[in-house]
Amino acid sequence: MHCPHCHADIPVFRNPVPTVDIIIEVGEEIVLIKRKNPPYGWALPGGFVDYGESYEQAALREAAEETGLTVQNLIQFHTYSDPGRDPRQHTASTVFIGQAHDKPKAGDDAAEAGLFSAANLPALVFDHDRILADYFAAAFKK
């Protein structure tokens, strides 16, 4: 890449892209969505953080867009940043936990939404199996 004025080389920096995922607790179950877009499969609700948006705002927005749920008591869980966690590009996801009281309804880029327990999880995309293993391990220590 070159400067349009002086034609000097401009270094191109490649940085991880910030994303959020949210573990929504509804009673003793959690919400998962089936993705409409690649990579296809079941996943935690989540997505990219918009410019000018906090990570907390992004998590609440993604939850509402993909599940129709209003989430309360949002807390930060962990950040997952393995360069291979998303086959499309290097992302770093900050994962939140929150609670909702209604049944999820698929919206936005979710084809389906459902409630699951640790005993009946479907196959998951990205690194969401690792995220949920960490979540359930932490939840059982309470």
Protein backbone atom coordinates (compact mmCIF):
# COMPACT_ATOMS: atom_id res chain seq x y z
CA MET A 1 0.00 0.00 0.00
CA HIS A 2 1.31 3.44 -0.92
CA CYS A 3 0.54 6.96 0.25
CA PRO A 4 -1.48 8.71 -2.47
CA HIS A 5 0.45 11.96 -1.88
CA CYS A 6 4.12 11.04 -1.35
CA HIS A 7 3.98 7.43 -2.64
CA ALA A 8 5.83 6.14 0.41
CA ASP A 9 5.10 2.59 1.53
CA ILE A 10 2.44 2.36 4.23
CA PRO A 11 2.63 -0.75 6.40
CA VAL A 12 -0.59 -2.74 6.55
CA PHE A 13 -1.40 -4.02 10.01
CA ARG A 14 -3.53 -7.09 10.47
CA ASN A 15 -5.21 -7.18 13.84
CA PRO A 16 -7.75 -9.56 15.36
CA VAL A 17 -11.34 -8.45 14.88
CA PRO A 18 -13.35 -7.92 18.10
CA THR A 19 -16.45 -10.06 18.55
CA VAL A 20 -18.77 -10.97 21.39
CA ASP A 21 -20.66 -14.12 22.32
CA ILE A 22 -23.30 -14.41 24.98
CA ILE A 23 -24.36 -17.32 27.13
CA ILE A 24 -28.03 -16.62 27.84
CA GLU A 25 -29.40 -18.56 30.79
CA VAL A 26 -33.14 -19.28 30.77
CA GLY A 27 -33.82 -21.20 33.95
CA GLU A 28 -31.47 -24.20 33.97
CA GLU A 29 -30.88 -24.09 30.19
CA ILE A 30 -28.91 -21.93 27.77
CA VAL A 31 -29.83 -20.45 24.40
CA LEU A 32 -28.14 -21.57 21.19
CA ILE A 33 -28.84 -20.45 17.63
CA LYS A 34 -28.50 -22.35 14.37
CA ARG A 35 -26.62 -20.10 11.94
CA LYS A 36 -28.11 -19.07 8.57
CA ASN A 37 -24.68 -18.16 7.21
CA PRO A 38 -21.35 -19.98 7.00
CA PRO A 39 -19.98 -21.51 9.01
CA TYR A 40 -23.27 -23.37 9.43
CA GLY A 41 -24.22 -25.07 12.66
CA TRP A 42 -25.25 -24.37 16.22
CA ALA A 43 -23.55 -21.54 18.11
CA LEU A 44 -23.87 -19.12 20.95
CA PRO A 45 -25.60 -15.88 19.96
CA GLY A 46 -23.00 -13.29 19.08
CA GLY A 47 -21.25 -11.32 16.39
CA PHE A 48 -19.00 -8.45 15.51
CA VAL A 49 -18.65 -5.33 17.66
CA ASP A 50 -19.76 -2.25 15.73
CA TYR A 51 -17.60 0.87 15.65
CA GLY A 52 -18.59 3.17 18.54
CA GLU A 53 -20.27 0.35 20.46
CA SER A 54 -19.12 -1.09 23.79
CA TYR A 55 -18.67 -4.85 24.05
CA GLU A 56 -21.56 -4.96 26.52
CA GLN A 57 -23.83 -3.08 24.09
CA ALA A 58 -22.77 -5.43 21.29
CA ALA A 59 -23.62 -8.52 23.38
CA LEU A 60 -27.06 -7.17 24.28
CA ARG A 61 -27.73 -6.10 20.67
CA GLU A 62 -26.69 -9.47 19.24
CA ALA A 63 -28.81 -11.31 21.82
CA ALA A 64 -31.87 -9.23 20.90
CA GLU A 65 -31.29 -9.49 17.13
CA GLU A 66 -30.66 -13.25 17.06
CA THR A 67 -32.98 -14.49 19.82
CA GLY A 68 -35.55 -11.75 20.45
CA LEU A 69 -34.59 -11.85 24.13
CA THR A 70 -33.92 -8.98 26.50
CA VAL A 71 -30.95 -10.01 28.62
CA GLN A 72 -30.38 -8.86 32.19
CA ASN A 73 -27.55 -9.14 34.73
CA LEU A 74 -24.82 -9.13 32.10
CA ILE A 75 -21.37 -10.14 33.37
CA GLN A 76 -18.13 -10.75 31.51
CA PHE A 77 -16.97 -14.39 31.52
CA HIS A 78 -13.74 -14.83 29.47
CA THR A 79 -12.08 -13.75 26.25
CA TYR A 80 -11.16 -16.37 23.64
CA SER A 81 -8.58 -15.39 21.04
CA ASP A 82 -7.06 -18.50 19.45
CA PRO A 83 -6.19 -17.40 15.88
CA GLY A 84 -7.98 -20.48 14.49
CA ARG A 85 -11.22 -20.08 16.45
CA ASP A 86 -13.06 -18.64 13.43
CA PRO A 87 -12.30 -20.11 9.98
CA ARG A 88 -13.10 -16.78 8.28
CA GLN A 89 -10.52 -14.61 10.04
CA HIS A 90 -8.68 -14.06 13.31
CA THR A 91 -11.22 -12.90 15.88
CA ALA A 92 -11.07 -12.31 19.62
CA SER A 93 -14.38 -12.91 21.35
CA THR A 94 -15.31 -11.55 24.74
CA VAL A 95 -17.95 -13.85 26.18
CA PHE A 96 -20.70 -12.61 28.48
CA ILE A 97 -23.27 -14.39 30.64
CA GLY A 98 -26.76 -13.03 31.22
CA GLN A 99 -30.28 -14.16 32.02
CA ALA A 100 -33.58 -13.99 30.17
CA HIS A 101 -37.07 -15.23 30.99
CA ASP A 102 -38.76 -16.01 27.69
CA LYS A 103 -38.32 -18.62 24.96
CA PRO A 104 -35.93 -17.54 22.22
CA LYS A 105 -37.19 -16.79 18.70
CA ALA A 106 -34.76 -16.95 15.78
CA GLY A 107 -34.07 -13.61 14.11
CA ASP A 108 -31.44 -11.78 12.06
CA ASP A 109 -28.88 -14.38 10.90
CA ALA A 110 -30.26 -17.19 13.09
CA ALA A 111 -32.25 -19.91 11.30
CA GLU A 112 -33.38 -21.49 14.59
CA ALA A 113 -33.07 -20.82 18.30
CA GLY A 114 -33.46 -23.28 21.11
CA LEU A 115 -32.84 -24.09 24.76
CA PHE A 116 -30.25 -26.70 25.72
CA SER A 117 -28.70 -28.20 28.83
CA ALA A 118 -25.19 -29.58 29.32
CA ALA A 119 -26.61 -33.05 28.66
CA ASN A 120 -28.16 -32.31 25.24
CA LEU A 121 -25.79 -29.92 23.46
CA PRO A 122 -25.65 -30.24 19.66
CA ALA A 123 -22.37 -30.11 17.71
CA LEU A 124 -21.13 -26.52 17.84
CA VAL A 125 -19.20 -24.28 15.42
CA PHE A 126 -16.21 -22.06 16.16
CA ASP A 127 -14.75 -22.83 19.61
CA HIS A 128 -18.13 -22.75 21.33
CA ASP A 129 -17.70 -26.29 22.64
CA ARG A 130 -14.64 -25.09 24.59
CA ILE A 131 -16.47 -21.98 25.80
CA LEU A 132 -19.39 -24.04 27.07
CA ALA A 133 -17.10 -26.62 28.66
CA ASP A 134 -15.46 -23.78 30.61
CA TYR A 135 -18.88 -22.33 31.48
CA PHE A 136 -20.35 -25.61 32.72
CA ALA A 137 -17.17 -26.40 34.68
CA ALA A 138 -17.35 -22.99 36.36
CA ALA A 139 -21.09 -23.29 36.98
CA PHE A 140 -20.73 -26.67 38.69
CA LYS A 141 -18.10 -25.28 41.10
CA LYS A 142 -20.61 -22.83 42.61
